[in-house]
């Protein structure tokens, strides 16, 4: 009886389950945490930090078109955000915001960034953070086999449905048709790639459908206003 009481008391005093991401995907542990879900506990990714692209500290981070920086950002970092969301985790906290390899440059001359200037990695993260706002809920989606290169999650809140789309392939997916569950009044599409920073993209809307082009090696966000 004592053991049961202690377990229940501990559980009721836990607000969320937190953990770091280091080695998680490689070990196959980046997946839903069923025990936390069973007891309605949010799961937070509370720290990850990767900047292997700088090697020995070369002057690459201030160059927005640098391939090594973009490949690491898209294939390693943004994909783990996507996988964390697929696993029903509730928060993803990057370490940390103002640094030469991060969202905003810190001005360290050896690494080529300007203090306070947005970096490529910041633009990539904005594809989630700017459009998937606190209180939004992830919702289910169905993906056609024709869209197989795309990795997509969808969220709803504030009268909007937001899709974040990763295309890590070397080919664009053109004329992709996105079907909403109801008619939409507006659709906006923004894309970050090696050569674009959260840039607005052409979008056509017809009732509950939008047609977009998803560039190769990109992360983009489609926002439906219902």
Protein backbone atom coordinates (compact mmCIF):
# COMPACT_ATOMS: atom_id res chain seq x y z
CA UNK A 1 0.00 0.00 0.00
CA UNK A 2 2.86 2.41 0.83
CA UNK A 3 4.48 1.84 -2.55
CA UNK A 4 1.22 2.58 -4.38
CA UNK A 5 0.63 5.78 -2.40
CA UNK A 6 4.18 7.00 -3.07
CA UNK A 7 3.85 6.34 -6.79
CA UNK A 8 0.55 8.20 -7.05
CA UNK A 9 1.88 11.13 -5.01
CA UNK A 10 4.98 11.39 -7.18
CA UNK A 11 2.93 11.26 -10.38
CA UNK A 12 0.55 14.00 -9.30
CA UNK A 13 3.52 16.28 -8.53
CA UNK A 14 5.13 15.89 -11.96
CA UNK A 15 4.21 18.66 -14.37
CA UNK A 16 5.97 17.32 -17.45
CA UNK A 17 8.56 14.78 -18.55
CA UNK A 18 11.77 16.39 -19.86
CA UNK A 19 14.82 14.98 -21.54
CA UNK A 20 17.69 15.82 -23.87
CA UNK A 21 17.91 14.58 -27.44
CA UNK A 22 21.55 13.49 -27.62
CA UNK A 23 21.79 10.07 -29.23
CA UNK A 24 18.03 9.53 -29.01
CA UNK A 25 17.24 9.03 -32.69
CA UNK A 26 20.29 6.87 -33.35
CA UNK A 27 19.27 4.57 -30.49
CA UNK A 28 15.65 4.35 -31.68
CA UNK A 29 14.29 6.14 -28.62
CA UNK A 30 12.81 9.17 -30.42
CA UNK A 31 9.27 7.81 -30.28
CA UNK A 32 6.04 8.32 -28.32
CA UNK A 33 6.42 7.94 -24.56
CA UNK A 34 3.41 5.78 -23.78
CA UNK A 35 3.66 6.03 -19.98
CA UNK A 36 3.58 9.83 -20.10
CA UNK A 37 0.63 9.72 -22.51
CA UNK A 38 -1.17 7.25 -20.25
CA UNK A 39 -1.03 9.74 -17.37
CA UNK A 40 -1.54 12.89 -19.49
CA UNK A 41 1.96 14.24 -18.87
CA UNK A 42 3.44 16.55 -21.53
CA UNK A 43 6.80 15.45 -22.92
CA UNK A 44 9.38 18.19 -23.50
CA UNK A 45 12.66 17.97 -25.40
CA UNK A 46 14.61 20.28 -23.12
CA UNK A 47 18.01 20.59 -24.82
CA UNK A 48 19.91 19.75 -27.97
CA UNK A 49 22.96 21.40 -29.46
CA UNK A 50 24.66 20.38 -32.71
CA UNK A 51 27.12 22.36 -34.81
CA UNK A 52 29.42 19.74 -36.28
CA UNK A 53 29.37 21.62 -39.59
CA UNK A 54 31.92 24.14 -38.32
CA UNK A 55 34.64 21.50 -38.11
CA UNK A 56 37.59 23.15 -36.48
CA UNK A 57 35.89 26.54 -36.33
CA UNK A 58 35.87 27.78 -39.91
CA UNK A 59 34.30 31.08 -40.94
CA UNK A 60 31.11 29.61 -42.42
CA UNK A 61 28.18 30.51 -40.19
CA UNK A 62 27.72 34.04 -41.50
CA UNK A 63 27.38 32.76 -45.08
CA UNK A 64 23.67 31.99 -45.61
CA UNK A 65 24.37 29.89 -48.70
CA UNK A 66 26.87 27.56 -47.03
CA UNK A 67 25.98 23.98 -47.96
CA UNK A 68 27.44 22.29 -44.87
CA UNK A 69 25.44 24.51 -42.52
CA UNK A 70 22.22 24.01 -44.45
CA UNK A 71 22.61 20.24 -44.78
CA UNK A 72 23.15 19.84 -41.03
CA UNK A 73 20.25 22.18 -40.28
CA UNK A 74 17.78 20.39 -42.55
CA UNK A 75 18.85 16.75 -42.25
CA UNK A 76 19.85 16.57 -38.60
CA UNK A 77 18.18 19.37 -36.71
CA UNK A 78 14.89 20.16 -38.44
CA UNK A 79 14.23 16.47 -38.96
CA UNK A 80 14.49 15.85 -35.22
CA UNK A 81 11.92 18.59 -34.64
CA UNK A 82 9.66 16.80 -37.12
CA UNK A 83 10.26 13.42 -35.49
CA UNK A 84 9.64 14.85 -32.03
CA UNK A 85 6.29 16.23 -33.18
CA UNK A 86 5.40 12.90 -34.80
CA UNK A 87 6.16 11.27 -31.46
CA UNK A 88 3.57 13.57 -29.79
CA UNK A 89 6.16 15.51 -27.81
CA UNK A 90 4.81 18.85 -26.64
CA UNK A 91 7.85 21.13 -26.72
CA UNK A 92 11.24 21.34 -28.43
CA UNK A 93 13.81 23.60 -26.78
CA UNK A 94 17.01 24.33 -28.71
CA UNK A 95 20.24 25.29 -26.91
CA UNK A 96 20.70 28.22 -27.36
CA UNK A 97 19.24 31.25 -29.22
CA UNK A 98 22.09 33.75 -29.71
CA UNK A 99 25.26 32.00 -30.83
CA UNK A 100 27.27 31.82 -34.04
CA UNK A 101 25.71 28.45 -35.01
CA UNK A 102 22.22 29.21 -33.74
CA UNK A 103 19.24 31.48 -34.50
CA UNK A 104 20.93 34.87 -34.11
CA UNK A 105 24.58 35.76 -34.60
CA UNK A 106 26.71 36.70 -31.60
CA UNK A 107 29.36 38.65 -33.50
CA UNK A 108 32.30 36.32 -32.88
CA UNK A 109 34.65 37.32 -35.70
CA UNK A 110 36.19 33.85 -36.09
CA UNK A 111 32.83 32.39 -37.06
CA UNK A 112 31.68 35.12 -39.41
CA UNK A 113 28.39 36.23 -37.81
CA UNK A 114 27.01 39.69 -37.08
CA UNK A 115 25.68 40.30 -33.57
CA UNK A 116 21.90 40.34 -33.63
CA UNK A 117 21.55 39.26 -37.28
CA UNK A 118 19.26 36.27 -38.03
CA UNK A 119 21.08 33.16 -39.21
CA UNK A 120 19.97 30.42 -41.58
CA UNK A 121 19.18 28.10 -38.67
CA UNK A 122 16.93 30.78 -37.16
CA UNK A 123 14.96 31.08 -40.39
CA UNK A 124 14.56 27.30 -40.50
CA UNK A 125 13.24 27.14 -36.94
CA UNK A 126 10.86 30.02 -37.69
CA UNK A 127 8.99 27.72 -40.07
CA UNK A 128 7.67 26.07 -36.91
CA UNK A 129 7.90 28.75 -34.24
CA UNK A 130 6.34 31.65 -36.13
CA UNK A 131 3.31 29.71 -37.36
CA UNK A 132 2.69 26.95 -34.79
CA UNK A 133 1.74 29.02 -31.78
CA UNK A 134 1.18 28.15 -28.08
CA UNK A 135 -2.13 26.39 -27.65
CA UNK A 136 -2.15 24.85 -31.12
CA UNK A 137 -2.83 21.12 -31.28
CA UNK A 138 -1.27 18.68 -33.69
CA UNK A 139 -3.87 17.03 -35.91
CA UNK A 140 -3.86 13.91 -38.07
CA UNK A 141 -3.27 14.04 -41.81
CA UNK A 142 -3.28 11.63 -44.74
CA UNK A 143 -0.46 11.77 -47.27
CA UNK A 144 -0.71 10.44 -50.82
CA UNK A 145 1.98 8.12 -52.12
CA UNK A 146 2.75 10.82 -54.71
CA UNK A 147 3.99 13.00 -51.86
CA UNK A 148 6.33 10.33 -50.48
CA UNK A 149 9.45 12.55 -50.34
CA UNK A 150 7.67 15.00 -48.03
CA UNK A 151 7.63 14.80 -44.23
CA UNK A 152 4.60 16.71 -42.95
CA UNK A 153 2.95 17.53 -39.64
CA UNK A 154 -0.22 19.59 -39.18
CA UNK A 155 -1.49 21.80 -36.36
CA UNK A 156 -4.73 23.68 -35.63
CA UNK A 157 -5.51 26.75 -33.54
CA UNK A 158 -6.72 30.37 -33.73
CA UNK A 159 -8.93 29.59 -36.72
CA UNK A 160 -5.98 28.28 -38.74
CA UNK A 161 -4.56 24.97 -39.93
CA UNK A 162 -0.78 25.02 -40.29
CA UNK A 163 1.32 22.40 -42.08
CA UNK A 164 5.11 22.24 -41.75
CA UNK A 165 6.67 20.43 -44.70
CA UNK A 166 10.20 19.04 -44.98
CA UNK A 167 11.48 18.11 -48.42
CA UNK A 168 14.92 16.63 -47.84
CA UNK A 169 15.11 15.16 -51.33
CA UNK A 170 17.09 16.72 -54.17
CA UNK A 171 13.96 17.17 -56.28
CA UNK A 172 11.16 19.69 -56.01
CA UNK A 173 7.59 18.50 -55.56
CA UNK A 174 5.58 20.75 -57.85
CA UNK A 175 1.81 21.26 -57.97
CA UNK A 176 1.30 19.54 -54.64
CA UNK A 177 -2.40 19.67 -53.72
CA UNK A 178 -3.21 20.16 -50.03
CA UNK A 179 -6.81 19.43 -49.01
CA UNK A 180 -8.23 21.08 -45.89
CA UNK A 181 -11.25 19.59 -44.06
CA UNK A 182 -13.31 22.67 -45.01
CA UNK A 183 -13.17 25.70 -47.27
CA UNK A 184 -10.43 28.17 -46.51
CA UNK A 185 -10.50 31.93 -46.91
CA UNK A 186 -6.74 32.31 -47.37
CA UNK A 187 -3.60 30.24 -47.84
CA UNK A 188 -0.02 31.43 -47.27
CA UNK A 189 3.14 29.49 -48.07
CA UNK A 190 6.63 30.37 -46.76
CA UNK A 191 9.86 28.50 -47.52
CA UNK A 192 13.42 28.34 -46.25
CA UNK A 193 16.17 26.63 -48.24
CA UNK A 194 19.87 27.12 -48.82
CA UNK A 195 19.01 30.15 -50.97
CA UNK A 196 15.77 31.45 -49.39
CA UNK A 197 14.90 32.76 -45.94
CA UNK A 198 11.23 32.29 -44.93
CA UNK A 199 10.32 33.61 -48.37
CA UNK A 200 6.68 33.93 -49.44
CA UNK A 201 5.74 31.44 -52.18
CA UNK A 202 2.93 31.48 -54.79
CA UNK A 203 -0.19 29.66 -53.64
CA UNK A 204 -3.48 29.07 -55.41
CA UNK A 205 -6.67 28.33 -53.46
CA UNK A 206 -9.84 26.63 -54.63
CA UNK A 207 -12.43 25.98 -51.93
CA UNK A 208 -10.71 23.68 -49.47
CA UNK A 209 -7.64 23.06 -51.61
CA UNK A 210 -4.34 24.82 -52.07
CA UNK A 211 -1.74 24.05 -54.74
CA UNK A 212 1.90 24.75 -53.94
CA UNK A 213 5.40 24.01 -55.17
CA UNK A 214 7.72 22.55 -52.54
CA UNK A 215 11.33 23.30 -53.38
CA UNK A 216 14.08 20.71 -53.17
CA UNK A 217 16.06 20.59 -49.90
CA UNK A 218 13.67 22.91 -48.09
CA UNK A 219 11.44 23.37 -45.08
CA UNK A 220 8.22 25.28 -45.65
CA UNK A 221 4.99 26.22 -43.91
CA UNK A 222 1.49 26.34 -45.37
CA UNK A 223 -1.04 28.32 -43.33
CA UNK A 224 -4.76 27.93 -44.00
CA UNK A 225 -7.07 30.58 -42.57
CA UNK A 226 -10.48 28.94 -42.16
